Amino acid sequence: MGRCWIWTAGKHKRGYGIIKHEGIDRKAHRIAYEMAYGPIPAGTEIDHRCRPTSCVRHDHLEAVTHRVNVLRGEGMAAKWAARSHCGRGHS
């Protein structure tokens, strides 16, 4: 995976790039994905495989289900799902 293309213009409070597209504020990574691959498939969202939410490099973006996106992340749901044993050592 190459270096990220970090969006440096307006940003959402969570770090996503924001761009006005056809008169509507949209997330820049979604526009980048659509320009490279076409419409985002129904039932999917765009995952930043590289992790920085401000990255707009099309080959770092992938349309996945919400579940896949969450489990690939670094939040508590992903951490709990990655565990193979409970806190007491049980499988």
Protein backbone atom coordinates (compact mmCIF):
# COMPACT_ATOMS: atom_id res chain seq x y z
CA MET A 1 0.00 0.00 0.00
CA GLY A 2 1.41 3.37 -0.97
CA ARG A 3 1.46 6.56 1.04
CA CYS A 4 -1.84 8.12 2.05
CA TRP A 5 -3.24 11.17 0.28
CA ILE A 6 -4.30 13.26 3.25
CA TRP A 7 -7.15 15.72 2.72
CA THR A 8 -5.97 19.15 3.87
CA ALA A 9 -9.04 21.29 3.21
CA GLY A 10 -12.20 21.34 5.36
CA LYS A 11 -12.65 18.45 7.76
CA HIS A 12 -15.46 16.89 9.78
CA LYS A 13 -15.00 16.78 13.57
CA ARG A 14 -13.92 13.12 13.24
CA GLY A 15 -11.23 13.97 10.68
CA TYR A 16 -13.05 13.05 7.47
CA GLY A 17 -12.40 15.42 4.58
CA ILE A 18 -15.45 17.47 3.57
CA ILE A 19 -16.11 18.80 0.07
CA LYS A 20 -19.11 20.55 -1.45
CA HIS A 21 -20.27 18.33 -4.33
CA GLU A 22 -23.31 19.32 -6.39
CA GLY A 23 -24.24 21.85 -3.70
CA ILE A 24 -24.12 19.35 -0.82
CA ASP A 25 -21.38 18.82 1.79
CA ARG A 26 -20.06 15.27 1.28
CA LYS A 27 -17.21 13.24 2.72
CA ALA A 28 -14.22 13.54 0.40
CA HIS A 29 -13.24 9.86 0.64
CA ARG A 30 -16.67 8.85 -0.66
CA ILE A 31 -16.27 11.17 -3.66
CA ALA A 32 -12.77 9.77 -4.29
CA TYR A 33 -14.12 6.21 -4.20
CA GLU A 34 -16.98 7.04 -6.57
CA MET A 35 -14.65 8.80 -9.02
CA ALA A 36 -12.40 5.74 -9.15
CA TYR A 37 -14.87 2.85 -8.96
CA GLY A 38 -18.39 4.19 -9.54
CA PRO A 39 -21.34 4.24 -7.14
CA ILE A 40 -20.91 2.84 -3.66
CA PRO A 41 -22.78 -0.49 -3.57
CA ALA A 42 -25.99 -0.56 -1.54
CA GLY A 43 -25.51 -1.94 1.97
CA THR A 44 -21.85 -0.98 2.13
CA GLU A 45 -19.75 1.83 3.53
CA ILE A 46 -16.23 2.92 2.70
CA ASP A 47 -13.42 1.50 4.84
CA HIS A 48 -10.07 3.28 5.01
CA ARG A 49 -7.81 0.23 4.84
CA CYS A 50 -4.91 2.48 5.84
CA ARG A 51 -6.87 3.80 8.91
CA PRO A 52 -6.48 7.65 8.66
CA THR A 53 -10.00 9.01 8.11
CA SER A 54 -8.62 11.96 6.14
CA CYS A 55 -7.04 9.74 3.46
CA VAL A 56 -8.61 10.08 -0.01
CA ARG A 57 -6.31 7.72 -1.95
CA HIS A 58 -8.70 5.52 -3.94
CA ASP A 59 -6.66 2.33 -3.61
CA HIS A 60 -6.77 2.69 0.19
CA LEU A 61 -10.58 2.68 0.15
CA GLU A 62 -12.83 -0.37 0.02
CA ALA A 63 -16.60 -0.81 0.06
CA VAL A 64 -17.46 -3.23 2.88
CA THR A 65 -20.38 -4.01 5.17
CA HIS A 66 -20.68 -2.09 8.44
CA ARG A 67 -19.74 -5.26 10.35
CA VAL A 68 -16.50 -5.73 8.38
CA ASN A 69 -15.64 -2.05 8.80
CA VAL A 70 -16.16 -2.18 12.58
CA LEU A 71 -14.23 -5.42 13.01
CA ARG A 72 -11.28 -4.06 11.02
CA GLY A 73 -11.17 -0.99 13.23
CA GLU A 74 -9.50 -0.27 16.52
CA GLY A 75 -12.60 0.21 18.69
CA MET A 76 -13.87 -1.98 21.51
CA ALA A 77 -16.02 -4.16 19.21
CA ALA A 78 -12.95 -5.09 17.17
CA LYS A 79 -10.86 -5.73 20.28
CA TRP A 80 -13.52 -7.99 21.82
CA ALA A 81 -14.04 -9.88 18.57
CA ALA A 82 -10.28 -10.50 18.20
CA ARG A 83 -9.99 -12.17 21.60
CA SER A 84 -9.54 -15.93 21.64
CA HIS A 85 -9.92 -16.30 25.43
CA CYS A 86 -11.85 -14.58 28.19
CA GLY A 87 -10.12 -12.72 31.02
CA ARG A 88 -9.99 -15.99 32.99
CA GLY A 89 -8.29 -17.92 30.19
CA HIS A 90 -11.32 -19.83 28.86
CA SER A 91 -11.68 -20.34 25.10
